[in-house]
Amino acid sequence: QVQLVESGGGLVQAGGSLRLSCVASERTFSIYAMGWFRQAPGKERELVAAINWNGDNTYYADSMKGRFTISRDNTKNTVYLQMNSLKPEDTAVYYCAADRVAFRSAQTMGVVTPTSWGQGTQVTVSS
């Protein structure tokens, strides 16, 4: 399994921005779709955004479209989540995850259960 480490979370006011990063331990990272998930207290984990192996296919949950941007740099084994216009309801622990089968689409991350997860990074948006 790929080891994943997230960073970039924090406390921000509503309307602000944060950029999350997720670094993978292996170069094989570059052949897997990646996803950002989040889980708020008392709620189920949900897929926020996903990106395919080479970055030319992305997926966003409806409430994130136009505000969040997922990207990846395979030379750095890193996937990013740029979050703009943050709202209090975006408060959650954000996790990155890697697909378990190579070269699948971003949309796949919404229907499979990844086997590689990071430890999560807390994002808190104050009103």
Foldseek 3Di string as FASTA:
>chain_A
DKAKAKDWADEEAAQAKIKMKIATDDLCLLFWKKWKWWDDPPGDIDTAKIAANPRPAMDGDPVQPPFWDWGDDSVRRMIMIIGGRDDQVVWTWMKMFTAPDGGDGRCVPRPDDGPYMYPTDTHGYHD
